[in-house]
Amino acid sequence: MGYRVQVIALHEEVLAEKEIVENIRVHRIKLSTRNWSKSLPVQLIKYNELALRIFSQYTGFDIIHCHDLAPLPIAIALKLLSGRKIKVVYDAHEFETEVNELKGIRKKS
């Protein structure tokens, strides 16, 4: 037995939108706003498009694993809006502020 695992990610031009890799379904979401400006207001529109696409297309999960900070609010919203006891796992492998070149917490050398 076990879990049915699906990976949901953003689509990149060189990759298929849907494929199965080692018995794991991979769904890459192609945003209509992908090539728009990278300004903050437009980035928020892109994020909202991603959230709406996930909310409308993906349901019934027992566990949501977030590898980065960016999808964490979407995962928490899915948990709260579902009314189910979905577990959310956030597993960062570095400080997000360092990855995204933001000021804030810095790793000491």
N, C-alpha and C. Protein backbone atom coordinates (compact mmCIF):
# COMPACT_ATOMS: atom_id res chain seq x y z
N MET A 1 0.85 -1.17 0.00
CA MET A 1 0.00 0.00 0.00
C MET A 1 0.89 1.23 0.00
N GLY A 2 0.42 2.33 0.41
CA GLY A 2 1.20 3.55 0.42
C GLY A 2 0.39 4.71 -0.11
N TYR A 3 1.07 5.74 -0.46
CA TYR A 3 0.42 6.95 -0.95
C TYR A 3 0.57 7.07 -2.46
N ARG A 4 -0.42 7.68 -3.08
CA ARG A 4 -0.34 8.05 -4.49
C ARG A 4 0.33 9.42 -4.50
N VAL A 5 1.46 9.53 -5.14
CA VAL A 5 2.25 10.75 -5.10
C VAL A 5 2.10 11.50 -6.43
N GLN A 6 1.89 12.81 -6.32
CA GLN A 6 1.86 13.68 -7.49
C GLN A 6 2.77 14.87 -7.22
N VAL A 7 3.46 15.31 -8.22
CA VAL A 7 4.28 16.51 -8.12
C VAL A 7 3.59 17.60 -8.94
N ILE A 8 3.39 18.75 -8.32
CA ILE A 8 2.80 19.89 -9.01
C ILE A 8 3.85 20.99 -9.01
N ALA A 9 4.18 21.48 -10.20
CA ALA A 9 5.24 22.48 -10.33
C ALA A 9 4.88 23.46 -11.43
N LEU A 10 5.68 24.49 -11.56
CA LEU A 10 5.51 25.43 -12.67
C LEU A 10 6.11 24.84 -13.94
N HIS A 11 5.46 25.09 -15.04
CA HIS A 11 5.93 24.59 -16.33
C HIS A 11 7.12 25.39 -16.83
N GLU A 12 8.07 24.70 -17.38
CA GLU A 12 9.22 25.29 -18.08
C GLU A 12 9.12 24.84 -19.53
N GLU A 13 9.47 25.69 -20.46
CA GLU A 13 9.29 25.41 -21.89
C GLU A 13 9.91 24.09 -22.35
N VAL A 14 11.03 23.70 -21.79
CA VAL A 14 11.72 22.50 -22.28
C VAL A 14 11.15 21.21 -21.69
N LEU A 15 10.20 21.30 -20.79
CA LEU A 15 9.65 20.12 -20.13
C LEU A 15 8.20 19.89 -20.52
N ALA A 16 7.76 18.65 -20.43
CA ALA A 16 6.37 18.30 -20.72
C ALA A 16 5.47 18.84 -19.62
N GLU A 17 4.23 19.18 -20.00
CA GLU A 17 3.28 19.64 -18.99
C GLU A 17 2.87 18.50 -18.06
N LYS A 18 2.73 17.30 -18.62
CA LYS A 18 2.37 16.14 -17.81
C LYS A 18 3.24 14.97 -18.23
N GLU A 19 3.72 14.25 -17.24
CA GLU A 19 4.50 13.04 -17.52
C GLU A 19 4.54 12.18 -16.26
N ILE A 20 4.97 10.95 -16.43
CA ILE A 20 5.15 10.05 -15.29
C ILE A 20 6.64 9.74 -15.21
N VAL A 21 7.21 10.04 -14.05
CA VAL A 21 8.64 9.81 -13.81
C VAL A 21 8.76 8.85 -12.64
N GLU A 22 9.29 7.67 -12.89
CA GLU A 22 9.45 6.64 -11.86
C GLU A 22 8.15 6.42 -11.09
N ASN A 23 7.06 6.23 -11.82
CA ASN A 23 5.72 5.97 -11.27
C ASN A 23 5.14 7.14 -10.48
N ILE A 24 5.66 8.33 -10.66
CA ILE A 24 5.13 9.53 -10.00
C ILE A 24 4.60 10.46 -11.07
N ARG A 25 3.33 10.86 -10.91
CA ARG A 25 2.73 11.80 -11.86
C ARG A 25 3.28 13.20 -11.61
N VAL A 26 3.76 13.81 -12.67
CA VAL A 26 4.30 15.17 -12.60
C VAL A 26 3.39 16.06 -13.44
N HIS A 27 2.83 17.09 -12.81
CA HIS A 27 1.97 18.06 -13.48
C HIS A 27 2.67 19.41 -13.39
N ARG A 28 2.98 19.97 -14.53
CA ARG A 28 3.61 21.30 -14.56
C ARG A 28 2.57 22.30 -15.06
N ILE A 29 2.27 23.27 -14.25
CA ILE A 29 1.22 24.24 -14.56
C ILE A 29 1.78 25.33 -15.46
N LYS A 30 1.14 25.48 -16.62
CA LYS A 30 1.55 26.51 -17.59
C LYS A 30 0.72 27.76 -17.32
N LEU A 31 1.35 28.79 -16.82
CA LEU A 31 0.65 30.03 -16.49
C LEU A 31 0.50 30.90 -17.74
N SER A 32 -0.69 31.45 -17.93
CA SER A 32 -0.89 32.36 -19.06
C SER A 32 -0.15 33.67 -18.83
N THR A 33 0.19 33.95 -17.59
CA THR A 33 0.89 35.19 -17.22
C THR A 33 2.41 35.01 -17.16
N ARG A 34 2.90 33.85 -17.51
CA ARG A 34 4.32 33.50 -17.34
C ARG A 34 5.29 34.54 -17.93
N ASN A 35 5.01 35.03 -19.12
CA ASN A 35 5.94 35.94 -19.79
C ASN A 35 5.67 37.41 -19.50
N TRP A 36 4.80 37.69 -18.57
CA TRP A 36 4.52 39.08 -18.21
C TRP A 36 5.71 39.63 -17.43
N SER A 37 5.66 40.91 -17.14
CA SER A 37 6.71 41.62 -16.42
C SER A 37 7.06 40.94 -15.09
N LYS A 38 8.24 41.20 -14.62
CA LYS A 38 8.67 40.65 -13.33
C LYS A 38 8.51 41.67 -12.20
N SER A 39 7.75 42.73 -12.44
CA SER A 39 7.51 43.73 -11.39
C SER A 39 6.66 43.09 -10.28
N LEU A 40 6.77 43.61 -9.08
CA LEU A 40 6.07 43.02 -7.93
C LEU A 40 4.56 42.91 -8.13
N PRO A 41 3.86 43.95 -8.59
CA PRO A 41 2.41 43.79 -8.78
C PRO A 41 2.06 42.67 -9.76
N VAL A 42 2.84 42.56 -10.82
CA VAL A 42 2.58 41.51 -11.82
C VAL A 42 2.93 40.14 -11.25
N GLN A 43 3.99 40.06 -10.45
CA GLN A 43 4.33 38.79 -9.80
C GLN A 43 3.19 38.32 -8.90
N LEU A 44 2.52 39.25 -8.23
CA LEU A 44 1.36 38.89 -7.40
C LEU A 44 0.21 38.35 -8.24
N ILE A 45 0.02 38.91 -9.42
CA ILE A 45 -1.01 38.40 -10.34
C ILE A 45 -0.66 36.97 -10.76
N LYS A 46 0.61 36.74 -11.09
CA LYS A 46 1.06 35.40 -11.47
C LYS A 46 0.84 34.41 -10.33
N TYR A 47 1.17 34.82 -9.11
CA TYR A 47 1.01 33.96 -7.93
C TYR A 47 -0.47 33.62 -7.73
N ASN A 48 -1.33 34.62 -7.91
CA ASN A 48 -2.77 34.37 -7.78
C ASN A 48 -3.27 33.42 -8.86
N GLU A 49 -2.75 33.55 -10.07
CA GLU A 49 -3.14 32.60 -11.13
C GLU A 49 -2.73 31.19 -10.73
N LEU A 50 -1.51 31.04 -10.23
CA LEU A 50 -1.04 29.72 -9.80
C LEU A 50 -1.95 29.16 -8.71
N ALA A 51 -2.26 29.98 -7.71
CA ALA A 51 -3.11 29.53 -6.61
C ALA A 51 -4.49 29.10 -7.12
N LEU A 52 -5.10 29.89 -7.98
CA LEU A 52 -6.42 29.55 -8.51
C LEU A 52 -6.39 28.27 -9.33
N ARG A 53 -5.34 28.09 -10.11
CA ARG A 53 -5.22 26.86 -10.91
C ARG A 53 -5.09 25.64 -10.00
N ILE A 54 -4.30 25.77 -8.94
CA ILE A 54 -4.13 24.65 -8.00
C ILE A 54 -5.44 24.38 -7.28
N PHE A 55 -6.12 25.42 -6.78
CA PHE A 55 -7.39 25.24 -6.07
C PHE A 55 -8.43 24.57 -6.95
N SER A 56 -8.47 24.91 -8.24
CA SER A 56 -9.52 24.39 -9.11
C SER A 56 -9.21 23.01 -9.68
N GLN A 57 -7.95 22.64 -9.77
CA GLN A 57 -7.58 21.40 -10.45
C GLN A 57 -7.10 20.28 -9.54
N TYR A 58 -6.68 20.61 -8.34
CA TYR A 58 -6.06 19.58 -7.50
C TYR A 58 -6.73 19.54 -6.14
N THR A 59 -7.38 18.43 -5.84
CA THR A 59 -8.07 18.25 -4.57
C THR A 59 -7.84 16.83 -4.06
N GLY A 60 -8.26 16.58 -2.85
CA GLY A 60 -8.21 15.22 -2.31
C GLY A 60 -6.88 14.78 -1.75
N PHE A 61 -6.00 15.71 -1.48
CA PHE A 61 -4.70 15.33 -0.94
C PHE A 61 -4.78 15.10 0.57
N ASP A 62 -3.95 14.19 1.06
CA ASP A 62 -3.82 13.94 2.49
C ASP A 62 -2.62 14.70 3.06
N ILE A 63 -1.58 14.83 2.23
CA ILE A 63 -0.35 15.49 2.64
C ILE A 63 0.11 16.39 1.50
N ILE A 64 0.52 17.60 1.85
CA ILE A 64 1.11 18.51 0.86
C ILE A 64 2.51 18.84 1.34
N HIS A 65 3.49 18.57 0.49
CA HIS A 65 4.89 18.85 0.82
C HIS A 65 5.34 20.06 0.01
N CYS A 66 5.83 21.08 0.69
CA CYS A 66 6.35 22.28 0.03
C CYS A 66 7.86 22.30 0.18
N HIS A 67 8.54 22.32 -0.93
CA HIS A 67 10.00 22.33 -0.93
C HIS A 67 10.55 23.75 -0.83
N ASP A 68 9.72 24.73 -1.16
CA ASP A 68 10.12 26.14 -1.11
C ASP A 68 9.10 26.93 -0.32
N LEU A 69 9.49 28.12 0.07
CA LEU A 69 8.60 28.99 0.84
C LEU A 69 7.43 29.52 0.01
N ALA A 70 7.65 29.80 -1.26
CA ALA A 70 6.62 30.43 -2.10
C ALA A 70 5.29 29.67 -2.14
N PRO A 71 5.27 28.35 -2.29
CA PRO A 71 3.97 27.65 -2.34
C PRO A 71 3.35 27.38 -0.97
N LEU A 72 4.06 27.69 0.10
CA LEU A 72 3.54 27.39 1.44
C LEU A 72 2.20 28.06 1.72
N PRO A 73 2.01 29.35 1.43
CA PRO A 73 0.68 29.95 1.67
C PRO A 73 -0.43 29.27 0.87
N ILE A 74 -0.12 28.82 -0.34
CA ILE A 74 -1.12 28.10 -1.14
C ILE A 74 -1.48 26.79 -0.46
N ALA A 75 -0.49 26.07 0.03
CA ALA A 75 -0.73 24.80 0.73
C ALA A 75 -1.57 25.01 1.98
N ILE A 76 -1.26 26.04 2.74
CA ILE A 76 -2.03 26.32 3.96
C ILE A 76 -3.46 26.69 3.61
N ALA A 77 -3.64 27.49 2.56
CA ALA A 77 -5.00 27.85 2.13
C ALA A 77 -5.77 26.61 1.69
N LEU A 78 -5.12 25.71 0.95
CA LEU A 78 -5.77 24.46 0.54
C LEU A 78 -6.23 23.66 1.76
N LYS A 79 -5.36 23.59 2.75
CA LYS A 79 -5.69 22.87 3.98
C LYS A 79 -6.91 23.49 4.66
N LEU A 80 -6.90 24.82 4.82
CA LEU A 80 -7.98 25.50 5.52
C LEU A 80 -9.29 25.46 4.74
N LEU A 81 -9.22 25.65 3.44
CA LEU A 81 -10.43 25.68 2.62
C LEU A 81 -11.04 24.30 2.38
N SER A 82 -10.23 23.26 2.51
CA SER A 82 -10.72 21.91 2.23
C SER A 82 -11.63 21.38 3.34
N GLY A 83 -11.43 21.88 4.56
CA GLY A 83 -12.19 21.35 5.68
C GLY A 83 -11.74 19.95 6.09
N ARG A 84 -10.64 19.50 5.52
CA ARG A 84 -10.09 18.18 5.83
C ARG A 84 -8.83 18.34 6.67
N LYS A 85 -8.38 17.25 7.23
CA LYS A 85 -7.17 17.27 8.06
C LYS A 85 -5.94 16.99 7.20
N ILE A 86 -5.69 17.89 6.27
CA ILE A 86 -4.52 17.76 5.40
C ILE A 86 -3.29 18.16 6.20
N LYS A 87 -2.25 17.37 6.07
CA LYS A 87 -0.98 17.71 6.71
C LYS A 87 -0.14 18.49 5.71
N VAL A 88 0.47 19.58 6.19
CA VAL A 88 1.35 20.40 5.35
C VAL A 88 2.76 20.25 5.89
N VAL A 89 3.67 19.86 5.02
CA VAL A 89 5.08 19.69 5.39
C VAL A 89 5.88 20.73 4.61
N TYR A 90 6.66 21.52 5.34
CA TYR A 90 7.55 22.49 4.71
C TYR A 90 8.97 22.06 4.99
N ASP A 91 9.73 21.79 3.94
CA ASP A 91 11.07 21.23 4.08
C ASP A 91 12.05 22.09 3.29
N ALA A 92 12.50 23.17 3.91
CA ALA A 92 13.46 24.06 3.24
C ALA A 92 14.87 23.51 3.43
N HIS A 93 15.66 23.66 2.41
CA HIS A 93 17.04 23.17 2.48
C HIS A 93 18.05 24.30 2.60
N GLU A 94 17.56 25.52 2.65
CA GLU A 94 18.42 26.67 2.86
C GLU A 94 17.54 27.82 3.32
N PHE A 95 18.16 28.88 3.75
CA PHE A 95 17.37 30.05 4.14
C PHE A 95 16.82 30.68 2.87
N GLU A 96 15.51 30.84 2.80
CA GLU A 96 14.88 31.42 1.62
C GLU A 96 15.38 32.83 1.34
N THR A 97 15.70 33.57 2.38
CA THR A 97 16.18 34.94 2.16
C THR A 97 17.50 34.94 1.41
N GLU A 98 18.31 33.92 1.61
CA GLU A 98 19.58 33.84 0.88
C GLU A 98 19.35 33.44 -0.56
N VAL A 99 18.46 32.51 -0.78
CA VAL A 99 18.17 32.05 -2.13
C VAL A 99 17.60 33.18 -2.97
N ASN A 100 16.68 33.92 -2.39
CA ASN A 100 15.99 34.98 -3.12
C ASN A 100 16.69 36.33 -2.99
N GLU A 101 17.87 36.35 -2.40
CA GLU A 101 18.67 37.55 -2.22
C GLU A 101 17.90 38.65 -1.50
N LEU A 102 17.16 38.27 -0.48
CA LEU A 102 16.42 39.23 0.32
C LEU A 102 17.21 39.56 1.57
N LYS A 103 16.95 40.71 2.14
CA LYS A 103 17.59 41.06 3.40
C LYS A 103 16.82 40.37 4.51
N GLY A 104 17.49 40.05 5.57
CA GLY A 104 16.82 39.39 6.69
C GLY A 104 17.75 38.39 7.32
N ILE A 105 17.26 37.23 7.60
CA ILE A 105 18.05 36.18 8.24
C ILE A 105 19.20 35.80 7.31
N ARG A 106 20.36 35.76 7.84
CA ARG A 106 21.54 35.35 7.07
C ARG A 106 22.25 34.22 7.79
N LYS A 107 22.72 33.27 7.02
CA LYS A 107 23.47 32.16 7.59
C LYS A 107 24.83 32.68 8.02
N LYS A 108 25.24 32.33 9.23
CA LYS A 108 26.56 32.75 9.72
C LYS A 108 27.62 31.85 9.13
N SER A 109 28.74 32.46 8.73
CA SER A 109 29.81 31.66 8.14
C SER A 109 30.74 31.12 9.17
